[in-house]
Protein backbone atom coordinates (compact mmCIF):
# COMPACT_ATOMS: atom_id res chain seq x y z
CA UNK A 1 139.46 -29.91 -27.02
CA UNK A 2 138.57 -28.21 -30.08
CA UNK A 3 142.47 -26.82 -30.55
CA UNK A 4 143.39 -30.92 -30.74
CA UNK A 5 141.94 -31.01 -33.91
CA UNK A 6 142.57 -27.52 -35.33
CA UNK A 7 145.68 -27.83 -36.96
CA UNK A 8 146.46 -24.32 -37.21
CA UNK A 9 146.41 -23.70 -33.82
CA UNK A 10 148.38 -26.35 -33.36
CA UNK A 11 151.27 -25.22 -34.33
CA UNK A 12 150.63 -21.55 -33.71
CA UNK A 13 150.79 -22.97 -30.27
CA UNK A 14 153.92 -25.67 -31.03
CA UNK A 15 155.85 -22.37 -32.56
CA UNK A 16 155.08 -20.39 -29.29
CA UNK A 17 156.41 -22.41 -27.68
CA UNK A 18 159.73 -21.20 -29.33
CA UNK A 19 163.22 -23.92 -28.58
CA UNK A 20 160.78 -25.76 -26.42
CA UNK A 21 158.24 -26.79 -29.69
CA UNK A 22 160.23 -29.93 -30.13
CA UNK A 23 159.89 -31.00 -26.26
CA UNK A 24 156.27 -29.69 -25.99
CA UNK A 25 154.99 -31.82 -29.56
CA UNK A 26 156.49 -34.99 -28.18
CA UNK A 27 155.01 -34.31 -25.18
CA UNK A 28 151.59 -33.58 -26.26
CA UNK A 29 152.37 -36.89 -29.16
CA UNK A 30 152.79 -38.64 -25.94
CA UNK A 31 149.69 -38.08 -23.62
CA UNK A 32 147.64 -38.44 -27.39
CA UNK A 33 149.13 -42.24 -27.13
CA UNK A 34 148.56 -42.98 -23.73
CA UNK A 35 144.91 -41.62 -23.83
CA UNK A 36 144.94 -44.34 -26.55
CA UNK A 37 141.51 -42.40 -28.25
CA UNK A 38 142.47 -38.95 -29.40
CA UNK A 39 143.93 -38.70 -33.59
CA UNK A 40 146.94 -37.62 -34.05
CA UNK A 41 147.07 -36.77 -37.67
CA UNK A 42 145.79 -32.62 -36.40
CA UNK A 43 148.82 -33.06 -34.55
CA UNK A 44 151.29 -34.34 -36.97
CA UNK A 45 149.77 -32.93 -39.47
CA UNK A 46 151.22 -29.11 -37.36
CA UNK A 47 153.94 -30.26 -36.71
CA UNK A 48 155.31 -31.06 -40.71
CA UNK A 49 153.70 -27.63 -40.81
CA UNK A 50 156.33 -26.34 -38.62
CA UNK A 51 159.13 -28.66 -39.03
CA UNK A 52 158.94 -29.05 -42.71
CA UNK A 53 157.82 -32.98 -43.75
CA UNK A 54 160.18 -34.80 -42.75
CA UNK A 55 161.21 -32.82 -39.16
CA UNK A 56 157.82 -33.20 -38.54
CA UNK A 57 157.52 -37.06 -39.09
CA UNK A 58 160.75 -37.89 -37.31
CA UNK A 59 159.35 -35.91 -34.12
CA UNK A 60 155.64 -37.32 -34.43
CA UNK A 61 156.95 -40.71 -35.05
CA UNK A 62 159.15 -40.60 -32.00
CA UNK A 63 156.08 -39.21 -29.68
CA UNK A 64 153.82 -41.75 -31.37
CA UNK A 65 156.58 -44.52 -30.89
CA UNK A 66 157.51 -43.11 -26.98
CA UNK A 67 154.29 -42.53 -26.10
CA UNK A 68 153.18 -46.50 -26.81
CA UNK A 69 156.12 -47.28 -24.40
CA UNK A 70 154.98 -45.58 -22.03
CA UNK A 71 151.21 -46.77 -22.36
CA UNK A 72 152.47 -50.10 -22.74
CA UNK A 73 154.58 -50.26 -19.47
CA UNK A 74 151.69 -48.04 -17.28
CA UNK A 75 148.90 -51.20 -19.20
CA UNK A 76 151.91 -53.72 -18.32
CA UNK A 77 152.16 -52.19 -14.76
CA UNK A 78 148.03 -51.66 -14.20
CA UNK A 79 147.46 -55.33 -15.19
CA UNK A 80 150.37 -56.85 -12.58
CA UNK A 81 149.63 -54.39 -9.50
CA UNK A 82 145.87 -55.87 -10.59
CA UNK A 83 147.02 -59.43 -10.37
CA UNK A 84 144.78 -60.28 -13.31
CA UNK A 85 148.46 -62.34 -15.40
CA UNK A 86 146.89 -65.54 -14.32
CA UNK A 87 143.09 -64.35 -15.74
CA UNK A 88 144.29 -62.70 -19.12
CA UNK A 89 145.86 -66.54 -20.05
CA UNK A 90 142.19 -67.96 -19.82
CA UNK A 91 141.26 -65.87 -22.82
CA UNK A 92 141.59 -67.38 -25.67
CA UNK A 93 143.59 -65.02 -27.92
CA UNK A 94 146.21 -63.64 -24.94
CA UNK A 95 146.48 -67.47 -24.84
CA UNK A 96 147.06 -67.88 -28.94
CA UNK A 97 149.24 -65.49 -28.88
CA UNK A 98 151.63 -66.16 -26.14
CA UNK A 99 151.94 -69.61 -27.38
CA UNK A 100 152.86 -68.37 -30.72
CA UNK A 101 156.99 -66.74 -32.31
CA UNK A 102 158.16 -63.67 -31.53
CA UNK A 103 158.40 -63.28 -35.37
CA UNK A 104 154.23 -63.45 -35.79
CA UNK A 105 154.04 -61.38 -32.39
CA UNK A 106 156.36 -58.64 -33.71
CA UNK A 107 154.29 -59.31 -37.28
CA UNK A 108 151.22 -59.14 -35.17
CA UNK A 109 150.95 -55.35 -34.18
CA UNK A 110 152.98 -54.52 -37.25
CA UNK A 111 150.19 -55.04 -38.94
CA UNK A 112 147.73 -53.78 -36.66
CA UNK A 113 149.70 -50.24 -36.41
CA UNK A 114 149.53 -50.01 -39.98
CA UNK A 115 145.58 -50.78 -39.98
CA UNK A 116 143.45 -46.95 -39.63
CA UNK A 117 141.18 -48.98 -38.23
CA UNK A 118 142.71 -50.09 -35.22
CA UNK A 119 143.25 -47.75 -32.35
CA UNK A 120 146.89 -47.09 -31.45
CA UNK A 121 145.62 -47.45 -27.33
CA UNK A 122 143.90 -50.56 -27.86
CA UNK A 123 146.47 -51.98 -29.26
CA UNK A 124 148.72 -51.21 -27.07
CA UNK A 125 146.32 -52.67 -24.74
CA UNK A 126 146.40 -55.93 -26.49
CA UNK A 127 150.06 -55.98 -26.34
CA UNK A 128 150.25 -55.23 -22.74
CA UNK A 129 148.15 -58.59 -21.52
CA UNK A 130 150.30 -61.60 -23.52
CA UNK A 131 154.11 -61.96 -23.38
CA UNK A 132 155.48 -60.53 -25.62
CA UNK A 133 158.44 -58.54 -24.59
CA UNK A 134 158.86 -54.61 -23.91
CA UNK A 135 161.64 -54.51 -26.76
CA UNK A 136 159.57 -56.70 -29.70
CA UNK A 137 157.16 -54.55 -29.14
CA UNK A 138 159.17 -51.44 -29.39
CA UNK A 139 161.04 -52.65 -32.74
CA UNK A 140 157.05 -53.96 -34.16
CA UNK A 141 155.64 -50.31 -32.83
CA UNK A 142 158.55 -48.80 -35.02
CA UNK A 143 158.80 -50.50 -38.38
CA UNK A 144 154.05 -50.80 -37.78
CA UNK A 145 154.39 -46.71 -36.77
CA UNK A 146 156.74 -45.42 -39.88
CA UNK A 147 154.57 -46.22 -42.48
CA UNK A 148 151.21 -44.88 -40.97
CA UNK A 149 154.06 -41.50 -40.19
CA UNK A 150 154.39 -40.95 -43.26
CA UNK A 151 150.23 -40.86 -44.73
CA UNK A 152 149.62 -38.75 -41.08
CA UNK A 153 152.08 -35.90 -41.99
CA UNK A 154 151.86 -36.23 -45.49
CA UNK A 155 147.94 -35.46 -45.22
CA UNK A 156 147.77 -33.24 -42.34
CA UNK A 157 150.47 -31.23 -43.72
CA UNK A 158 148.83 -31.39 -47.57
CA UNK A 159 144.76 -30.67 -45.15
CA UNK A 160 146.97 -26.90 -44.72
CA UNK A 161 148.58 -26.31 -48.10
CA UNK A 162 145.89 -27.91 -49.69
CA UNK A 163 146.13 -25.18 -52.47
CA UNK A 164 149.26 -26.18 -53.45
CA UNK A 165 149.63 -30.23 -52.76
CA UNK A 166 145.84 -31.16 -53.96
CA UNK A 167 147.28 -34.59 -56.33
CA UNK A 168 149.46 -35.07 -53.86
CA UNK A 169 146.98 -35.48 -51.13
CA UNK A 170 143.89 -37.33 -53.17
CA UNK A 171 146.80 -39.55 -54.06
CA UNK A 172 147.43 -40.51 -50.42
CA UNK A 173 144.02 -40.98 -49.27
CA UNK A 174 143.24 -42.46 -52.36
CA UNK A 175 146.27 -44.90 -51.06
CA UNK A 176 144.60 -44.79 -47.43
CA UNK A 177 140.96 -46.02 -48.27
CA UNK A 178 141.99 -48.73 -50.81
CA UNK A 179 144.33 -49.39 -47.44
CA UNK A 180 140.54 -49.35 -45.69
CA UNK A 181 139.36 -51.63 -47.32
CA UNK A 182 141.61 -53.56 -48.45
CA UNK A 183 141.71 -54.81 -44.14
CA UNK A 184 137.73 -54.38 -44.39
CA UNK A 185 137.03 -57.10 -47.45
CA UNK A 186 140.23 -58.52 -45.12
CA UNK A 187 138.14 -58.82 -42.16
CA UNK A 188 134.31 -59.59 -43.79
CA UNK A 189 135.50 -62.28 -45.46
CA UNK A 190 137.40 -63.58 -41.64
CA UNK A 191 133.84 -63.36 -39.70
CA UNK A 192 132.15 -65.03 -42.49
CA UNK A 193 134.51 -67.71 -42.39
CA UNK A 194 133.39 -67.66 -38.73
C-alpha cells in the first residue's frame, strides 16, 4: 500500500498505462472513494503531475464524484437488502435530516464535503441512510467536491514541484489550516452548547 501514498510512484503508474492512464486513474479514484478511508490527495497530486493542474483536477473530480455515487448506491442497496430502512428511521439525526427541505439536505452534503475533517466514506454512508434522492446527492457532492479537489490537486502537485511552487503551497496550506480551524472551532462551540 506504500505506493498509494507516493505521488511520484502513482504518477509513474498512471504514465505506464499510456492512453489508458485517464481510465486507470478514474478507476483507482473510484476504489479510493468506495473504500471510504483511503486519502485521495496523493492520487490528485499524481493526476496533476501527469495531466497538468486543470486536467488533473478534472480527472480527480470525475473519479471522486463517480466513486461517491457508486458508494452511495452500494450503501443504500446494502441497507435495503439488510432490511434496515425502518430501523434507521429511529435514529434522531436520520429523522431530522429526512424531515428537512431538499435544499438543506444538499447544503449539509456540500458543507460536509468541504470540511477537511470529514471522511468521504462517512458522508456517503450517512447520505445513503437518509431519504436524500440520488440527484440531490450527485449535485451536492459535485458542488462540495470542487473546492476540496482544487485544494488536493494543487497541494499534491506542489509537494512534487516544491522548488517552483513554495509560495503557492504555503498559501494553500495556510488556507486549508484556516478552514480546518474554523470547522474545529465551530464543532467545539457546538459541543460546549450541548
